[in-house]
Amino acid sequence: MHAPAEAVPPALGTAEPVDAASCRLHTAADTPEYLAYRIAVLGFEFTLLGPPELVPHLRAVEGHAKPQGR
């Protein structure tokens, strides 16, 4: 996560500090869809380190979050 470890709610998992401005989030969820949602609602930029199966679910969440043109 591109956020300090202290900014990540403990209920989401373990935020391991990387430096003062970023952390590695160790978390799990029942489904990849729910995991993507949990990551997205944090509102922080992030770099996905794995699992690669999560990518399409994150893209789906992103697609739902974008304002649609009229």
PDB file of N, CA and C in Angstrom:
ATOM      1  N   MET A   1       0.850  -1.151   0.000  1.00  0.00           N
ATOM      2  CA  MET A   1       0.000   0.000   0.000  1.00  0.00           C
ATOM      3  C   MET A   1       0.909   1.232   0.000  1.00  0.00           C
ATOM      4  N   HIS A   2       0.467   2.233  -0.725  1.00  0.00           N
ATOM      5  CA  HIS A   2       1.199   3.493  -0.720  1.00  0.00           C
ATOM      6  C   HIS A   2       0.595   4.371   0.372  1.00  0.00           C
ATOM      7  N   ALA A   3       0.747   3.868   1.592  1.00  0.00           N
ATOM      8  CA  ALA A   3       0.241   4.545   2.789  1.00  0.00           C
ATOM      9  C   ALA A   3       1.009   4.003   3.984  1.00  0.00           C
ATOM     10  N   PRO A   4       1.139   4.781   5.037  1.00  0.00           N
ATOM     11  CA  PRO A   4       1.813   4.271   6.232  1.00  0.00           C
ATOM     12  C   PRO A   4       1.021   3.116   6.852  1.00  0.00           C
ATOM     13  N   ALA A   5       1.708   2.201   7.488  1.00  0.00           N
ATOM     14  CA  ALA A   5       1.067   1.040   8.102  1.00  0.00           C
ATOM     15  C   ALA A   5      -0.012   1.461   9.091  1.00  0.00           C
ATOM     16  N   GLU A   6       0.195   2.551   9.803  1.00  0.00           N
ATOM     17  CA  GLU A   6      -0.771   3.000  10.808  1.00  0.00           C
ATOM     18  C   GLU A   6      -2.096   3.419  10.184  1.00  0.00           C
ATOM     19  N   ALA A   7      -2.103   3.731   8.889  1.00  0.00           N
ATOM     20  CA  ALA A   7      -3.319   4.193   8.222  1.00  0.00           C
ATOM     21  C   ALA A   7      -4.237   3.041   7.806  1.00  0.00           C
ATOM     22  N   VAL A   8      -3.719   1.831   7.802  1.00  0.00           N
ATOM     23  CA  VAL A   8      -4.501   0.666   7.378  1.00  0.00           C
ATOM     24  C   VAL A   8      -5.237   0.096   8.590  1.00  0.00           C
ATOM     25  N   PRO A   9      -6.569  -0.008   8.505  1.00  0.00           N
ATOM     26  CA  PRO A   9      -7.321  -0.551   9.636  1.00  0.00           C
ATOM     27  C   PRO A   9      -6.877  -1.972   9.984  1.00  0.00           C
ATOM     28  N   PRO A  10      -6.593  -2.263  11.245  1.00  0.00           N
ATOM     29  CA  PRO A  10      -6.129  -3.593  11.646  1.00  0.00           C
ATOM     30  C   PRO A  10      -7.092  -4.716  11.283  1.00  0.00           C
ATOM     31  N   ALA A  11      -8.366  -4.412  11.153  1.00  0.00           N
ATOM     32  CA  ALA A  11      -9.352  -5.442  10.808  1.00  0.00           C
ATOM     33  C   ALA A  11      -9.129  -6.010   9.402  1.00  0.00           C
ATOM     34  N   LEU A  12      -8.379  -5.290   8.570  1.00  0.00           N
ATOM     35  CA  LEU A  12      -8.149  -5.756   7.207  1.00  0.00           C
ATOM     36  C   LEU A  12      -6.965  -6.701   7.081  1.00  0.00           C
ATOM     37  N   GLY A  13      -6.158  -6.801   8.106  1.00  0.00           N
ATOM     38  CA  GLY A  13      -5.003  -7.687   8.057  1.00  0.00           C
ATOM     39  C   GLY A  13      -3.823  -7.056   8.763  1.00  0.00           C
ATOM     40  N   THR A  14      -2.659  -7.565   8.451  1.00  0.00           N
ATOM     41  CA  THR A  14      -1.428  -7.072   9.052  1.00  0.00           C
ATOM     42  C   THR A  14      -0.712  -6.155   8.074  1.00  0.00           C
ATOM     43  N   ALA A  15      -0.505  -4.914   8.475  1.00  0.00           N
ATOM     44  CA  ALA A  15       0.216  -3.950   7.644  1.00  0.00           C
ATOM     45  C   ALA A  15       1.660  -3.918   8.120  1.00  0.00           C
ATOM     46  N   GLU A  16       2.541  -4.425   7.292  1.00  0.00           N
ATOM     47  CA  GLU A  16       3.973  -4.481   7.611  1.00  0.00           C
ATOM     48  C   GLU A  16       4.658  -3.244   7.028  1.00  0.00           C
ATOM     49  N   PRO A  17       5.211  -2.360   7.857  1.00  0.00           N
ATOM     50  CA  PRO A  17       5.854  -1.155   7.332  1.00  0.00           C
ATOM     51  C   PRO A  17       7.010  -1.491   6.390  1.00  0.00           C
ATOM     52  N   VAL A  18       7.050  -0.782   5.267  1.00  0.00           N
ATOM     53  CA  VAL A  18       8.178  -0.880   4.334  1.00  0.00           C
ATOM     54  C   VAL A  18       9.079   0.326   4.559  1.00  0.00           C
ATOM     55  N   ASP A  19       8.442   1.487   4.667  1.00  0.00           N
ATOM     56  CA  ASP A  19       9.125   2.728   5.025  1.00  0.00           C
ATOM     57  C   ASP A  19       8.063   3.640   5.640  1.00  0.00           C
ATOM     58  N   ALA A  20       8.378   4.894   5.830  1.00  0.00           N
ATOM     59  CA  ALA A  20       7.439   5.801   6.508  1.00  0.00           C
ATOM     60  C   ALA A  20       6.170   6.067   5.699  1.00  0.00           C
ATOM     61  N   ALA A  21       6.217   5.830   4.381  1.00  0.00           N
ATOM     62  CA  ALA A  21       5.085   6.177   3.529  1.00  0.00           C
ATOM     63  C   ALA A  21       4.410   4.980   2.867  1.00  0.00           C
ATOM     64  N   SER A  22       4.871   3.766   3.159  1.00  0.00           N
ATOM     65  CA  SER A  22       4.265   2.602   2.511  1.00  0.00           C
ATOM     66  C   SER A  22       4.348   1.377   3.408  1.00  0.00           C
ATOM     67  N   CYS A  23       3.499   0.398   3.081  1.00  0.00           N
ATOM     68  CA  CYS A  23       3.475  -0.839   3.851  1.00  0.00           C
ATOM     69  C   CYS A  23       3.055  -1.996   2.949  1.00  0.00           C
ATOM     70  N   ARG A  24       3.291  -3.184   3.415  1.00  0.00           N
ATOM     71  CA  ARG A  24       2.849  -4.395   2.737  1.00  0.00           C
ATOM     72  C   ARG A  24       1.687  -4.949   3.556  1.00  0.00           C
ATOM     73  N   LEU A  25       0.539  -5.125   2.900  1.00  0.00           N
ATOM     74  CA  LEU A  25      -0.652  -5.618   3.582  1.00  0.00           C
ATOM     75  C   LEU A  25      -0.760  -7.122   3.388  1.00  0.00           C
ATOM     76  N   HIS A  26      -0.806  -7.846   4.493  1.00  0.00           N
ATOM     77  CA  HIS A  26      -1.032  -9.294   4.479  1.00  0.00           C
ATOM     78  C   HIS A  26      -2.473  -9.497   4.902  1.00  0.00           C
ATOM     79  N   THR A  27      -3.291  -9.989   3.971  1.00  0.00           N
ATOM     80  CA  THR A  27      -4.720 -10.118   4.240  1.00  0.00           C
ATOM     81  C   THR A  27      -5.286 -11.305   3.486  1.00  0.00           C
ATOM     82  N   ALA A  28      -6.508 -11.626   3.771  1.00  0.00           N
ATOM     83  CA  ALA A  28      -7.205 -12.712   3.090  1.00  0.00           C
ATOM     84  C   ALA A  28      -8.694 -12.408   3.112  1.00  0.00           C
ATOM     85  N   ALA A  29      -9.427 -13.082   2.252  1.00  0.00           N
ATOM     86  CA  ALA A  29     -10.881 -12.947   2.209  1.00  0.00           C
ATOM     87  C   ALA A  29     -11.451 -14.254   1.687  1.00  0.00           C
ATOM     88  N   ASP A  30     -12.746 -14.416   1.859  1.00  0.00           N
ATOM     89  CA  ASP A  30     -13.399 -15.649   1.433  1.00  0.00           C
ATOM     90  C   ASP A  30     -13.383 -15.837  -0.074  1.00  0.00           C
ATOM     91  N   THR A  31     -13.450 -14.737  -0.813  1.00  0.00           N
ATOM     92  CA  THR A  31     -13.463 -14.821  -2.277  1.00  0.00           C
ATOM     93  C   THR A  31     -12.535 -13.758  -2.852  1.00  0.00           C
ATOM     94  N   PRO A  32     -12.044 -13.957  -4.068  1.00  0.00           N
ATOM     95  CA  PRO A  32     -11.208 -12.911  -4.692  1.00  0.00           C
ATOM     96  C   PRO A  32     -11.990 -11.628  -4.932  1.00  0.00           C
ATOM     97  N   GLU A  33     -13.289 -11.753  -5.205  1.00  0.00           N
ATOM     98  CA  GLU A  33     -14.108 -10.564  -5.416  1.00  0.00           C
ATOM     99  C   GLU A  33     -14.140  -9.707  -4.152  1.00  0.00           C
ATOM    100  N   TYR A  34     -14.318 -10.354  -3.011  1.00  0.00           N
ATOM    101  CA  TYR A  34     -14.377  -9.620  -1.749  1.00  0.00           C
ATOM    102  C   TYR A  34     -13.009  -9.037  -1.389  1.00  0.00           C
ATOM    103  N   LEU A  35     -11.958  -9.758  -1.680  1.00  0.00           N
ATOM    104  CA  LEU A  35     -10.612  -9.242  -1.415  1.00  0.00           C
ATOM    105  C   LEU A  35     -10.359  -7.987  -2.256  1.00  0.00           C
ATOM    106  N   ALA A  36     -10.749  -8.020  -3.522  1.00  0.00           N
ATOM    107  CA  ALA A  36     -10.580  -6.843  -4.389  1.00  0.00           C
ATOM    108  C   ALA A  36     -11.360  -5.662  -3.834  1.00  0.00           C
ATOM    109  N   TYR A  37     -12.572  -5.917  -3.384  1.00  0.00           N
ATOM    110  CA  TYR A  37     -13.390  -4.858  -2.793  1.00  0.00           C
ATOM    111  C   TYR A  37     -12.712  -4.277  -1.554  1.00  0.00           C
ATOM    112  N   ARG A  38     -12.219  -5.149  -0.680  1.00  0.00           N
ATOM    113  CA  ARG A  38     -11.578  -4.684   0.561  1.00  0.00           C
ATOM    114  C   ARG A  38     -10.382  -3.789   0.268  1.00  0.00           C
ATOM    115  N   ILE A  39      -9.602  -4.162  -0.727  1.00  0.00           N
ATOM    116  CA  ILE A  39      -8.428  -3.363  -1.097  1.00  0.00           C
ATOM    117  C   ILE A  39      -8.878  -2.026  -1.691  1.00  0.00           C
ATOM    118  N   ALA A  40      -9.869  -2.077  -2.564  1.00  0.00           N
ATOM    119  CA  ALA A  40     -10.310  -0.863  -3.261  1.00  0.00           C
ATOM    120  C   ALA A  40     -10.917   0.169  -2.321  1.00  0.00           C
ATOM    121  N   VAL A  41     -11.694  -0.270  -1.348  1.00  0.00           N
ATOM    122  CA  VAL A  41     -12.364   0.699  -0.481  1.00  0.00           C
ATOM    123  C   VAL A  41     -11.414   1.404   0.484  1.00  0.00           C
ATOM    124  N   LEU A  42     -10.207   0.913   0.607  1.00  0.00           N
ATOM    125  CA  LEU A  42      -9.246   1.609   1.460  1.00  0.00           C
ATOM    126  C   LEU A  42      -8.943   3.004   0.917  1.00  0.00           C
ATOM    127  N   GLY A  43      -8.991   3.160  -0.404  1.00  0.00           N
ATOM    128  CA  GLY A  43      -8.757   4.462  -1.002  1.00  0.00           C
ATOM    129  C   GLY A  43      -7.297   4.822  -1.194  1.00  0.00           C
ATOM    130  N   PHE A  44      -6.401   3.888  -0.922  1.00  0.00           N
ATOM    131  CA  PHE A  44      -4.967   4.133  -1.107  1.00  0.00           C
ATOM    132  C   PHE A  44      -4.518   3.569  -2.443  1.00  0.00           C
ATOM    133  N   GLU A  45      -3.523   4.198  -3.030  1.00  0.00           N
ATOM    134  CA  GLU A  45      -2.884   3.585  -4.189  1.00  0.00           C
ATOM    135  C   GLU A  45      -2.128   2.370  -3.694  1.00  0.00           C
ATOM    136  N   PHE A  46      -1.948   1.389  -4.564  1.00  0.00           N
ATOM    137  CA  PHE A  46      -1.262   0.166  -4.156  1.00  0.00           C
ATOM    138  C   PHE A  46      -0.595  -0.484  -5.351  1.00  0.00           C
ATOM    139  N   THR A  47       0.336  -1.350  -5.069  1.00  0.00           N
ATOM    140  CA  THR A  47       0.983  -2.191  -6.062  1.00  0.00           C
ATOM    141  C   THR A  47       0.671  -3.624  -5.682  1.00  0.00           C
ATOM    142  N   LEU A  48       0.038  -4.350  -6.579  1.00  0.00           N
ATOM    143  CA  LEU A  48      -0.320  -5.736  -6.298  1.00  0.00           C
ATOM    144  C   LEU A  48       0.895  -6.631  -6.474  1.00  0.00           C
ATOM    145  N   LEU A  49       1.251  -7.337  -5.413  1.00  0.00           N
ATOM    146  CA  LEU A  49       2.361  -8.289  -5.471  1.00  0.00           C
ATOM    147  C   LEU A  49       1.860  -9.710  -5.719  1.00  0.00           C
ATOM    148  N   GLY A  50       0.608  -9.949  -5.506  1.00  0.00           N
ATOM    149  CA  GLY A  50       0.031 -11.263  -5.764  1.00  0.00           C
ATOM    150  C   GLY A  50      -1.248 -11.408  -4.985  1.00  0.00           C
ATOM    151  N   PRO A  51      -2.022 -12.366  -5.281  1.00  0.00           N
ATOM    152  CA  PRO A  51      -1.896 -13.333  -6.363  1.00  0.00           C
ATOM    153  C   PRO A  51      -2.377 -12.737  -7.694  1.00  0.00           C
ATOM    154  N   PRO A  52      -1.828 -13.219  -8.814  1.00  0.00           N
ATOM    155  CA  PRO A  52      -2.216 -12.671 -10.116  1.00  0.00           C
ATOM    156  C   PRO A  52      -3.696 -12.907 -10.440  1.00  0.00           C
ATOM    157  N   GLU A  53      -4.319 -13.889  -9.820  1.00  0.00           N
ATOM    158  CA  GLU A  53      -5.738 -14.171 -10.052  1.00  0.00           C
ATOM    159  C   GLU A  53      -6.634 -13.029  -9.565  1.00  0.00           C
ATOM    160  N   LEU A  54      -6.078 -12.138  -8.764  1.00  0.00           N
ATOM    161  CA  LEU A  54      -6.842 -11.016  -8.226  1.00  0.00           C
ATOM    162  C   LEU A  54      -7.006  -9.882  -9.244  1.00  0.00           C
ATOM    163  N   VAL A  55      -6.148  -9.825 -10.243  1.00  0.00           N
ATOM    164  CA  VAL A  55      -6.145  -8.716 -11.206  1.00  0.00           C
ATOM    165  C   VAL A  55      -7.507  -8.501 -11.872  1.00  0.00           C
ATOM    166  N   PRO A  56      -8.152  -9.527 -12.440  1.00  0.00           N
ATOM    167  CA  PRO A  56      -9.443  -9.250 -13.083  1.00  0.00           C
ATOM    168  C   PRO A  56     -10.510  -8.757 -12.107  1.00  0.00           C
ATOM    169  N   HIS A  57     -10.434  -9.173 -10.872  1.00  0.00           N
ATOM    170  CA  HIS A  57     -11.403  -8.730  -9.877  1.00  0.00           C
ATOM    171  C   HIS A  57     -11.163  -7.265  -9.503  1.00  0.00           C
ATOM    172  N   LEU A  58      -9.902  -6.862  -9.418  1.00  0.00           N
ATOM    173  CA  LEU A  58      -9.594  -5.453  -9.155  1.00  0.00           C
ATOM    174  C   LEU A  58     -10.043  -4.584 -10.328  1.00  0.00           C
ATOM    175  N   ARG A  59      -9.867  -5.088 -11.541  1.00  0.00           N
ATOM    176  CA  ARG A  59     -10.308  -4.323 -12.724  1.00  0.00           C
ATOM    177  C   ARG A  59     -11.829  -4.179 -12.726  1.00  0.00           C
ATOM    178  N   ALA A  60     -12.523  -5.213 -12.309  1.00  0.00           N
ATOM    179  CA  ALA A  60     -13.988  -5.153 -12.249  1.00  0.00           C
ATOM    180  C   ALA A  60     -14.436  -4.108 -11.229  1.00  0.00           C
ATOM    181  N   VAL A  61     -13.790  -4.085 -10.068  1.00  0.00           N
ATOM    182  CA  VAL A  61     -14.128  -3.087  -9.045  1.00  0.00           C
ATOM    183  C   VAL A  61     -13.837  -1.690  -9.578  1.00  0.00           C
ATOM    184  N   GLU A  62     -12.708  -1.547 -10.244  1.00  0.00           N
ATOM    185  CA  GLU A  62     -12.352  -0.246 -10.825  1.00  0.00           C
ATOM    186  C   GLU A  62     -13.392   0.186 -11.845  1.00  0.00           C
ATOM    187  N   GLY A  63     -13.854  -0.735 -12.678  1.00  0.00           N
ATOM    188  CA  GLY A  63     -14.847  -0.414 -13.679  1.00  0.00           C
ATOM    189  C   GLY A  63     -16.160   0.053 -13.076  1.00  0.00           C
ATOM    190  N   HIS A  64     -16.537  -0.515 -11.950  1.00  0.00           N
ATOM    191  CA  HIS A  64     -17.775  -0.116 -11.283  1.00  0.00           C
ATOM    192  C   HIS A  64     -17.625   1.228 -10.588  1.00  0.00           C
ATOM    193  N   ALA A  65     -16.396   1.581 -10.216  1.00  0.00           N
ATOM    194  CA  ALA A  65     -16.165   2.813  -9.463  1.00  0.00           C
ATOM    195  C   ALA A  65     -16.022   4.030 -10.361  1.00  0.00           C
ATOM    196  N   LYS A  66     -15.727   3.834 -11.643  1.00  0.00           N
ATOM    197  CA  LYS A  66     -15.541   4.965 -12.542  1.00  0.00           C
ATOM    198  C   LYS A  66     -16.882   5.584 -12.908  1.00  0.00           C
ATOM    199  N   PRO A  67     -16.941   6.917 -12.918  1.00  0.00           N
ATOM    200  CA  PRO A  67     -18.177   7.564 -13.368  1.00  0.00           C
ATOM    201  C   PRO A  67     -18.414   7.250 -14.847  1.00  0.00           C
ATOM    202  N   GLN A  68     -19.634   6.974 -15.178  1.00  0.00           N
ATOM    203  CA  GLN A  68     -19.986   6.661 -16.557  1.00  0.00           C
ATOM    204  C   GLN A  68     -20.387   7.944 -17.287  1.00  0.00           C
ATOM    205  N   GLY A  69     -19.927   8.069 -18.534  1.00  0.00           N
ATOM    206  CA  GLY A  69     -20.295   9.236 -19.341  1.00  0.00           C
ATOM    207  C   GLY A  69     -21.769   9.206 -19.712  1.00  0.00           C
ATOM    208  N   ARG A  70     -22.310  10.361 -19.951  1.00  0.00           N
ATOM    209  CA  ARG A  70     -23.736  10.435 -20.317  1.00  0.00           C
ATOM    210  C   ARG A  70     -23.894  10.786 -21.753  1.00  0.00           C
TER     211      ARG A  70
END
